[in-house]
Amino acid sequence: MPFWVLAGAYKPAVSPLFDSQHPPLSFHITFISIMADEDYDRRPRRRPPPPTDAAYQAAVRHAGGNEDPSFFQSAMQGVLSRHPVPPGDDYDESEAPPHHRPVRQEEADAAERVHREIYEQGNGAPQSHHSAEDVGQAAALHAFQMHQQQQQQRQQEDQEEGGGGGGGGGGMQDFMGMAMGEATNLFNAGGGQGDKMAMVQSAAMMAMKIYMSQQQSSDSGGGGGGLGGMLGGLLGGGGGPSGMMGLLTKMM
């Protein structure tokens, strides 16, 4: 059965988070259908890493220190308790909880549209027709973008210091925290309208799905070295092809 693999491409875009003379890179999400081989269902199941205090502290930092870590911990516990994981590794794929599945194409299309409406058309604020789930998913995509920019910056600094550029830092806990913190920022940018807890939970869910998309691409034979490998590939790290083609090359 097919699954979907995350890839990205960049284009210049205007964002309220950066000045107009140095526009950030916004991305378009696309997914590639890959046919799993016959042994796929017998492989050990990938699972998102359990959230730790590092994720909650990252969320607090990204939200400007205006939230308590316990708020983000409660949000994550709500996601995990609402979608329990079947015991063992032999459960059917249809029984996997949502956060143990990769992002579906329709989810990617919808999240990209909302991300564009908020960050490129809405000056960084949700619009009245955006649901809490919409806002959370857009926040996770924006956190993904910022995380990979930070990864590249850390690698460049490491190279300049003679370290070889091997350590990107951050990791899944940092990315997950940034996604939750960014959802809080969007809630505040929207004047406190909507369900903040639901926005944060949607962001956490989307972050884990992005992680699962990368893990399944690694299982298909593409390697990638965890979240850092995916992020580096999107930016063409390591001297290879840039943008979408860089990531596709890593996957094949």
C-alpha atoms as a PDB file:
ATOM      1  CA  MET A   1       0.000   0.000   0.000  1.00  0.00           C
ATOM      2  CA  PRO A   2       1.323   3.489  -0.760  1.00  0.00           C
ATOM      3  CA  PHE A   3       2.424   6.025   1.781  1.00  0.00           C
ATOM      4  CA  TRP A   4       3.415   9.641   1.369  1.00  0.00           C
ATOM      5  CA  VAL A   5       6.856  11.142   1.746  1.00  0.00           C
ATOM      6  CA  LEU A   6       7.491  14.741   2.685  1.00  0.00           C
ATOM      7  CA  ALA A   7       9.422  16.971   0.329  1.00  0.00           C
ATOM      8  CA  GLY A   8       9.709  20.713   0.010  1.00  0.00           C
ATOM      9  CA  ALA A   9      10.614  23.472  -2.397  1.00  0.00           C
ATOM     10  CA  TYR A  10      11.438  27.085  -1.642  1.00  0.00           C
ATOM     11  CA  LYS A  11      10.445  30.446  -3.050  1.00  0.00           C
ATOM     12  CA  PRO A  12      10.927  34.008  -1.796  1.00  0.00           C
ATOM     13  CA  ALA A  13       7.977  35.201   0.243  1.00  0.00           C
ATOM     14  CA  VAL A  14       7.039  38.103   2.474  1.00  0.00           C
ATOM     15  CA  SER A  15       6.652  37.321   6.143  1.00  0.00           C
ATOM     16  CA  PRO A  16       5.961  39.603   9.120  1.00  0.00           C
ATOM     17  CA  LEU A  17       8.681  37.763  11.020  1.00  0.00           C
ATOM     18  CA  PHE A  18      11.480  39.201   8.862  1.00  0.00           C
ATOM     19  CA  ASP A  19      12.217  42.607   7.330  1.00  0.00           C
ATOM     20  CA  SER A  20      11.360  43.208   3.693  1.00  0.00           C
ATOM     21  CA  GLN A  21      14.993  43.475   2.611  1.00  0.00           C
ATOM     22  CA  HIS A  22      15.746  39.984   3.845  1.00  0.00           C
ATOM     23  CA  PRO A  23      12.649  37.945   3.029  1.00  0.00           C
ATOM     24  CA  PRO A  24      12.557  34.399   4.352  1.00  0.00           C
ATOM     25  CA  LEU A  25      12.161  31.277   2.311  1.00  0.00           C
ATOM     26  CA  SER A  26       8.663  29.894   2.352  1.00  0.00           C
ATOM     27  CA  PHE A  27       8.069  26.370   1.248  1.00  0.00           C
ATOM     28  CA  HIS A  28       5.551  24.377  -0.689  1.00  0.00           C
ATOM     29  CA  ILE A  29       4.757  20.926   0.595  1.00  0.00           C
ATOM     30  CA  THR A  30       4.474  18.069  -1.821  1.00  0.00           C
ATOM     31  CA  PHE A  31       4.289  14.379  -1.214  1.00  0.00           C
ATOM     32  CA  ILE A  32       5.532  11.514  -3.317  1.00  0.00           C
ATOM     33  CA  SER A  33       3.664   8.253  -3.377  1.00  0.00           C
ATOM     34  CA  ILE A  34       6.019   5.359  -2.757  1.00  0.00           C
ATOM     35  CA  MET A  35       4.908   1.778  -3.001  1.00  0.00           C
ATOM     36  CA  ALA A  36       6.011  -0.120   0.061  1.00  0.00           C
ATOM     37  CA  ASP A  37       7.671  -3.450  -0.530  1.00  0.00           C
ATOM     38  CA  GLU A  38       6.165  -6.719   0.683  1.00  0.00           C
ATOM     39  CA  ASP A  39       8.204  -6.666   3.895  1.00  0.00           C
ATOM     40  CA  TYR A  40       7.084  -3.199   4.940  1.00  0.00           C
ATOM     41  CA  ASP A  41       4.295  -4.303   7.275  1.00  0.00           C
ATOM     42  CA  ARG A  42       6.680  -6.720   9.020  1.00  0.00           C
ATOM     43  CA  ARG A  43       9.253  -4.057   9.861  1.00  0.00           C
ATOM     44  CA  PRO A  44       9.449  -2.735  13.429  1.00  0.00           C
ATOM     45  CA  ARG A  45       7.016   0.128  13.637  1.00  0.00           C
ATOM     46  CA  ARG A  46       8.378   3.636  13.836  1.00  0.00           C
ATOM     47  CA  ARG A  47       7.047   5.782  16.631  1.00  0.00           C
ATOM     48  CA  PRO A  48       7.449   9.487  17.306  1.00  0.00           C
ATOM     49  CA  PRO A  49       9.806  10.039  20.242  1.00  0.00           C
ATOM     50  CA  PRO A  50       7.876  10.679  23.455  1.00  0.00           C
ATOM     51  CA  PRO A  51       7.829  14.369  24.356  1.00  0.00           C
ATOM     52  CA  THR A  52      10.198  15.424  27.125  1.00  0.00           C
ATOM     53  CA  ASP A  53      10.785  18.522  29.213  1.00  0.00           C
ATOM     54  CA  ALA A  54      13.046  19.739  26.413  1.00  0.00           C
ATOM     55  CA  ALA A  55      10.026  20.035  24.105  1.00  0.00           C
ATOM     56  CA  TYR A  56       7.982  21.931  26.683  1.00  0.00           C
ATOM     57  CA  GLN A  57      10.855  24.306  27.443  1.00  0.00           C
ATOM     58  CA  ALA A  58      11.349  24.908  23.724  1.00  0.00           C
ATOM     59  CA  ALA A  59       7.643  25.735  23.450  1.00  0.00           C
ATOM     60  CA  VAL A  60       7.927  28.249  26.296  1.00  0.00           C
ATOM     61  CA  ARG A  61      10.939  29.926  24.687  1.00  0.00           C
ATOM     62  CA  HIS A  62       9.282  30.151  21.291  1.00  0.00           C
ATOM     63  CA  ALA A  63       6.133  31.600  22.851  1.00  0.00           C
ATOM     64  CA  GLY A  64       8.208  34.372  24.401  1.00  0.00           C
ATOM     65  CA  GLY A  65       8.141  32.971  27.919  1.00  0.00           C
ATOM     66  CA  ASN A  66       4.479  33.869  28.314  1.00  0.00           C
ATOM     67  CA  GLU A  67       3.259  30.335  28.997  1.00  0.00           C
ATOM     68  CA  ASP A  68       4.027  27.789  31.676  1.00  0.00           C
ATOM     69  CA  PRO A  69       5.549  24.465  30.589  1.00  0.00           C
ATOM     70  CA  SER A  70       2.632  22.701  32.272  1.00  0.00           C
ATOM     71  CA  PHE A  71       0.254  24.180  29.683  1.00  0.00           C
ATOM     72  CA  PHE A  72       2.125  22.541  26.820  1.00  0.00           C
ATOM     73  CA  GLN A  73       2.519  19.325  28.785  1.00  0.00           C
ATOM     74  CA  SER A  74      -1.247  19.200  29.354  1.00  0.00           C
ATOM     75  CA  ALA A  75      -1.860  19.822  25.663  1.00  0.00           C
ATOM     76  CA  MET A  76       0.434  16.976  24.661  1.00  0.00           C
ATOM     77  CA  GLN A  77      -1.025  14.621  27.237  1.00  0.00           C
ATOM     78  CA  GLY A  78      -4.448  15.384  25.811  1.00  0.00           C
ATOM     79  CA  VAL A  79      -3.294  14.332  22.339  1.00  0.00           C
ATOM     80  CA  LEU A  80      -1.674  11.125  23.567  1.00  0.00           C
ATOM     81  CA  SER A  81      -4.563  10.099  25.823  1.00  0.00           C
ATOM     82  CA  ARG A  82      -7.159  10.769  23.126  1.00  0.00           C
ATOM     83  CA  HIS A  83      -5.257   8.610  20.637  1.00  0.00           C
ATOM     84  CA  PRO A  84      -3.798   5.657  22.574  1.00  0.00           C
ATOM     85  CA  VAL A  85      -1.246   3.421  20.912  1.00  0.00           C
ATOM     86  CA  PRO A  86      -2.149  -0.289  20.552  1.00  0.00           C
ATOM     87  CA  PRO A  87       0.231  -2.548  22.489  1.00  0.00           C
ATOM     88  CA  GLY A  88       3.062  -4.275  20.676  1.00  0.00           C
ATOM     89  CA  ASP A  89       4.221  -3.764  17.113  1.00  0.00           C
ATOM     90  CA  ASP A  90       1.894  -6.141  15.276  1.00  0.00           C
ATOM     91  CA  TYR A  91      -1.257  -4.018  15.106  1.00  0.00           C
ATOM     92  CA  ASP A  92      -2.844  -3.323  11.744  1.00  0.00           C
ATOM     93  CA  GLU A  93      -1.910  -0.093   9.991  1.00  0.00           C
ATOM     94  CA  SER A  94      -5.526   1.071  10.199  1.00  0.00           C
ATOM     95  CA  GLU A  95      -5.293   0.845  14.000  1.00  0.00           C
ATOM     96  CA  ALA A  96      -2.314   3.201  14.225  1.00  0.00           C
ATOM     97  CA  PRO A  97      -3.176   6.466  15.994  1.00  0.00           C
ATOM     98  CA  PRO A  98      -3.099   9.595  13.811  1.00  0.00           C
ATOM     99  CA  HIS A  99       0.223  10.836  15.182  1.00  0.00           C
ATOM    100  CA  HIS A 100       1.861   7.531  14.164  1.00  0.00           C
ATOM    101  CA  ARG A 101       0.958   8.065  10.517  1.00  0.00           C
ATOM    102  CA  PRO A 102       2.605  10.269   7.882  1.00  0.00           C
ATOM    103  CA  VAL A 103       0.932  13.384   6.541  1.00  0.00           C
ATOM    104  CA  ARG A 104      -1.682  12.688   3.874  1.00  0.00           C
ATOM    105  CA  GLN A 105      -1.637  14.632   0.624  1.00  0.00           C
ATOM    106  CA  GLU A 106      -4.937  16.378   1.367  1.00  0.00           C
ATOM    107  CA  GLU A 107      -3.636  17.422   4.787  1.00  0.00           C
ATOM    108  CA  ALA A 108      -0.500  18.849   3.200  1.00  0.00           C
ATOM    109  CA  ASP A 109      -2.482  20.789   0.607  1.00  0.00           C
ATOM    110  CA  ALA A 110      -4.830  22.254   3.221  1.00  0.00           C
ATOM    111  CA  ALA A 111      -2.030  23.131   5.639  1.00  0.00           C
ATOM    112  CA  GLU A 112      -0.019  24.834   2.909  1.00  0.00           C
ATOM    113  CA  ARG A 113      -3.040  26.896   1.868  1.00  0.00           C
ATOM    114  CA  VAL A 114      -3.722  28.061   5.429  1.00  0.00           C
ATOM    115  CA  HIS A 115      -0.015  28.750   5.992  1.00  0.00           C
ATOM    116  CA  ARG A 116      -0.027  31.014   2.938  1.00  0.00           C
ATOM    117  CA  GLU A 117      -3.208  32.789   4.043  1.00  0.00           C
ATOM    118  CA  ILE A 118      -1.802  33.473   7.512  1.00  0.00           C
ATOM    119  CA  TYR A 119       1.847  34.287   6.884  1.00  0.00           C
ATOM    120  CA  GLU A 120       1.790  35.770   3.383  1.00  0.00           C
ATOM    121  CA  GLN A 121      -1.680  37.294   3.142  1.00  0.00           C
ATOM    122  CA  GLY A 122      -2.727  37.811   6.751  1.00  0.00           C
ATOM    123  CA  ASN A 123       0.339  39.546   8.229  1.00  0.00           C
ATOM    124  CA  GLY A 124       0.913  36.648  10.570  1.00  0.00           C
ATOM    125  CA  ALA A 125      -2.604  36.485  12.015  1.00  0.00           C
ATOM    126  CA  PRO A 126      -5.275  33.793  11.555  1.00  0.00           C
ATOM    127  CA  GLN A 127      -8.440  34.726   9.720  1.00  0.00           C
ATOM    128  CA  SER A 128     -11.972  34.283  10.983  1.00  0.00           C
ATOM    129  CA  HIS A 129     -12.662  31.241   8.809  1.00  0.00           C
ATOM    130  CA  HIS A 130      -9.620  29.320  10.074  1.00  0.00           C
ATOM    131  CA  SER A 131     -10.418  26.539  12.519  1.00  0.00           C
ATOM    132  CA  ALA A 132      -8.219  25.700  15.501  1.00  0.00           C
ATOM    133  CA  GLU A 133      -6.974  22.662  13.587  1.00  0.00           C
ATOM    134  CA  ASP A 134      -6.111  24.851  10.580  1.00  0.00           C
ATOM    135  CA  VAL A 135      -4.113  27.242  12.745  1.00  0.00           C
ATOM    136  CA  GLY A 136      -2.229  24.465  14.512  1.00  0.00           C
ATOM    137  CA  GLN A 137      -1.222  22.756  11.280  1.00  0.00           C
ATOM    138  CA  ALA A 138      -0.026  26.032   9.765  1.00  0.00           C
ATOM    139  CA  ALA A 139       1.954  26.709  12.939  1.00  0.00           C
ATOM    140  CA  ALA A 140       3.673  23.326  12.646  1.00  0.00           C
ATOM    141  CA  LEU A 141       4.652  24.029   9.033  1.00  0.00           C
ATOM    142  CA  HIS A 142       6.040  27.419  10.011  1.00  0.00           C
ATOM    143  CA  ALA A 143       7.973  25.854  12.882  1.00  0.00           C
ATOM    144  CA  PHE A 144       9.333  23.318  10.393  1.00  0.00           C
ATOM    145  CA  GLN A 145      10.534  26.156   8.182  1.00  0.00           C
ATOM    146  CA  MET A 146      12.168  28.051  11.043  1.00  0.00           C
ATOM    147  CA  HIS A 147      13.751  24.913  12.450  1.00  0.00           C
ATOM    148  CA  GLN A 148      15.463  24.099   9.180  1.00  0.00           C
ATOM    149  CA  GLN A 149      16.722  27.665   8.854  1.00  0.00           C
ATOM    150  CA  GLN A 150      18.221  27.361  12.327  1.00  0.00           C
ATOM    151  CA  GLN A 151      19.749  24.011  11.415  1.00  0.00           C
ATOM    152  CA  GLN A 152      21.498  25.554   8.437  1.00  0.00           C
ATOM    153  CA  GLN A 153      22.700  28.530  10.451  1.00  0.00           C
ATOM    154  CA  ARG A 154      24.155  26.265  13.142  1.00  0.00           C
ATOM    155  CA  GLN A 155      25.922  24.178  10.529  1.00  0.00           C
ATOM    156  CA  GLN A 156      27.394  27.264   8.889  1.00  0.00           C
ATOM    157  CA  GLU A 157      28.616  28.586  12.232  1.00  0.00           C
ATOM    158  CA  ASP A 158      30.128  25.209  13.031  1.00  0.00           C
ATOM    159  CA  GLN A 159      31.959  25.187   9.707  1.00  0.00           C
ATOM    160  CA  GLU A 160      33.284  28.698  10.294  1.00  0.00           C
ATOM    161  CA  GLU A 161      34.615  27.587  13.665  1.00  0.00           C
ATOM    162  CA  GLY A 162      36.359  24.626  12.077  1.00  0.00           C
ATOM    163  CA  GLY A 163      33.952  22.002  13.349  1.00  0.00           C
ATOM    164  CA  GLY A 164      33.109  20.602   9.942  1.00  0.00           C
ATOM    165  CA  GLY A 165      29.412  21.445  10.060  1.00  0.00           C
ATOM    166  CA  GLY A 166      28.383  18.083  11.419  1.00  0.00           C
ATOM    167  CA  GLY A 167      26.070  19.122  14.232  1.00  0.00           C
ATOM    168  CA  GLY A 168      22.766  20.764  13.419  1.00  0.00           C
ATOM    169  CA  GLY A 169      21.424  20.715  16.965  1.00  0.00           C
ATOM    170  CA  GLY A 170      17.783  21.008  17.871  1.00  0.00           C
ATOM    171  CA  GLY A 171      16.212  17.717  16.943  1.00  0.00           C
ATOM    172  CA  MET A 172      12.663  16.479  17.242  1.00  0.00           C
ATOM    173  CA  GLN A 173      12.060  17.797  20.761  1.00  0.00           C
ATOM    174  CA  ASP A 174      13.026  21.310  19.693  1.00  0.00           C
ATOM    175  CA  PHE A 175      10.893  21.105  16.554  1.00  0.00           C
ATOM    176  CA  MET A 176       7.884  19.806  18.492  1.00  0.00           C
ATOM    177  CA  GLY A 177       8.259  22.595  21.038  1.00  0.00           C
ATOM    178  CA  MET A 178       8.562  25.244  18.354  1.00  0.00           C
ATOM    179  CA  ALA A 179       5.366  23.987  16.726  1.00  0.00           C
ATOM    180  CA  MET A 180       3.418  24.262  19.983  1.00  0.00           C
ATOM    181  CA  GLY A 181       4.921  27.653  20.784  1.00  0.00           C
ATOM    182  CA  GLU A 182       4.118  28.979  17.322  1.00  0.00           C
ATOM    183  CA  ALA A 183       0.482  27.906  17.723  1.00  0.00           C
ATOM    184  CA  THR A 184       0.358  30.011  20.897  1.00  0.00           C
ATOM    185  CA  ASN A 185       1.840  32.957  19.003  1.00  0.00           C
ATOM    186  CA  LEU A 186      -0.853  32.657  16.338  1.00  0.00           C
ATOM    187  CA  PHE A 187      -3.547  32.508  19.003  1.00  0.00           C
ATOM    188  CA  ASN A 188      -2.243  35.773  20.441  1.00  0.00           C
ATOM    189  CA  ALA A 189      -1.858  37.341  16.979  1.00  0.00           C
ATOM    190  CA  GLY A 190      -5.531  36.593  16.368  1.00  0.00           C
ATOM    191  CA  GLY A 191      -6.541  38.598  19.418  1.00  0.00           C
ATOM    192  CA  GLY A 192      -7.056  35.572  21.618  1.00  0.00           C
ATOM    193  CA  GLN A 193      -9.923  34.279  19.514  1.00  0.00           C
ATOM    194  CA  GLY A 194     -10.520  30.538  19.272  1.00  0.00           C
ATOM    195  CA  ASP A 195      -9.457  27.520  21.288  1.00  0.00           C
ATOM    196  CA  LYS A 196      -5.784  27.913  22.231  1.00  0.00           C
ATOM    197  CA  MET A 197      -5.478  24.392  23.615  1.00  0.00           C
ATOM    198  CA  ALA A 198      -6.914  22.903  20.410  1.00  0.00           C
ATOM    199  CA  MET A 199      -4.494  24.960  18.309  1.00  0.00           C
ATOM    200  CA  VAL A 200      -1.505  23.748  20.318  1.00  0.00           C
ATOM    201  CA  GLN A 201      -2.682  20.139  20.141  1.00  0.00           C
ATOM    202  CA  SER A 202      -3.164  20.375  16.380  1.00  0.00           C
ATOM    203  CA  ALA A 203       0.368  21.760  16.014  1.00  0.00           C
ATOM    204  CA  ALA A 204       1.824  18.941  18.110  1.00  0.00           C
ATOM    205  CA  MET A 205      -0.078  16.358  16.070  1.00  0.00           C
ATOM    206  CA  MET A 206       1.135  17.813  12.771  1.00  0.00           C
ATOM    207  CA  ALA A 207       4.732  17.940  14.009  1.00  0.00           C
ATOM    208  CA  MET A 208       4.628  14.240  14.849  1.00  0.00           C
ATOM    209  CA  LYS A 209       3.098  13.437  11.454  1.00  0.00           C
ATOM    210  CA  ILE A 210       5.888  15.336   9.716  1.00  0.00           C
ATOM    211  CA  TYR A 211       8.356  13.269  11.720  1.00  0.00           C
ATOM    212  CA  MET A 212       6.591  10.052  10.696  1.00  0.00           C
ATOM    213  CA  SER A 213       6.696  11.094   7.025  1.00  0.00           C
ATOM    214  CA  GLN A 214      10.462  11.425   7.271  1.00  0.00           C
ATOM    215  CA  GLN A 215      10.838   8.127   9.105  1.00  0.00           C
ATOM    216  CA  GLN A 216       8.872   6.243   6.468  1.00  0.00           C
ATOM    217  CA  SER A 217      10.980   7.808   3.737  1.00  0.00           C
ATOM    218  CA  SER A 218      14.051   6.477   5.572  1.00  0.00           C
ATOM    219  CA  ASP A 219      12.439   3.031   5.772  1.00  0.00           C
ATOM    220  CA  SER A 220      11.968   3.072   2.007  1.00  0.00           C
ATOM    221  CA  GLY A 221      15.734   3.159   1.582  1.00  0.00           C
ATOM    222  CA  GLY A 222      16.379   6.879   1.404  1.00  0.00           C
ATOM    223  CA  GLY A 223      18.347   7.234   4.621  1.00  0.00           C
ATOM    224  CA  GLY A 224      18.323  10.823   5.782  1.00  0.00           C
ATOM    225  CA  GLY A 225      19.689  10.629   9.310  1.00  0.00           C
ATOM    226  CA  GLY A 226      16.612  11.578  11.276  1.00  0.00           C
ATOM    227  CA  LEU A 227      14.952  14.976  11.346  1.00  0.00           C
ATOM    228  CA  GLY A 228      18.251  16.737  10.778  1.00  0.00           C
ATOM    229  CA  GLY A 229      18.794  14.781   7.574  1.00  0.00           C
ATOM    230  CA  MET A 230      15.418  15.805   6.240  1.00  0.00           C
ATOM    231  CA  LEU A 231      15.929  19.447   7.164  1.00  0.00           C
ATOM    232  CA  GLY A 232      19.399  19.534   5.698  1.00  0.00           C
ATOM    233  CA  GLY A 233      18.158  17.941   2.490  1.00  0.00           C
ATOM    234  CA  LEU A 234      15.493  20.574   2.034  1.00  0.00           C
ATOM    235  CA  LEU A 235      18.166  23.256   2.076  1.00  0.00           C
ATOM    236  CA  GLY A 236      20.564  21.312  -0.116  1.00  0.00           C
ATOM    237  CA  GLY A 237      23.013  20.761   2.739  1.00  0.00           C
ATOM    238  CA  GLY A 238      26.296  19.024   2.158  1.00  0.00           C
ATOM    239  CA  GLY A 239      26.923  20.477  -1.277  1.00  0.00           C
ATOM    240  CA  GLY A 240      24.285  18.427  -3.078  1.00  0.00           C
ATOM    241  CA  PRO A 241      21.359  19.614  -5.181  1.00  0.00           C
ATOM    242  CA  SER A 242      19.261  22.266  -3.524  1.00  0.00           C
ATOM    243  CA  GLY A 243      15.601  22.557  -2.639  1.00  0.00           C
ATOM    244  CA  MET A 244      13.181  19.823  -3.591  1.00  0.00           C
ATOM    245  CA  MET A 245      15.643  17.942  -5.777  1.00  0.00           C
ATOM    246  CA  GLY A 246      18.133  17.816  -2.921  1.00  0.00           C
ATOM    247  CA  LEU A 247      15.645  16.028  -0.718  1.00  0.00           C
ATOM    248  CA  LEU A 248      14.451  13.726  -3.478  1.00  0.00           C
ATOM    249  CA  THR A 249      18.047  12.688  -4.137  1.00  0.00           C
ATOM    250  CA  LYS A 250      18.475  11.794  -0.460  1.00  0.00           C
ATOM    251  CA  MET A 251      15.302   9.710  -0.520  1.00  0.00           C
ATOM    252  CA  MET A 252      16.140   7.588  -3.538  1.00  0.00           C
END
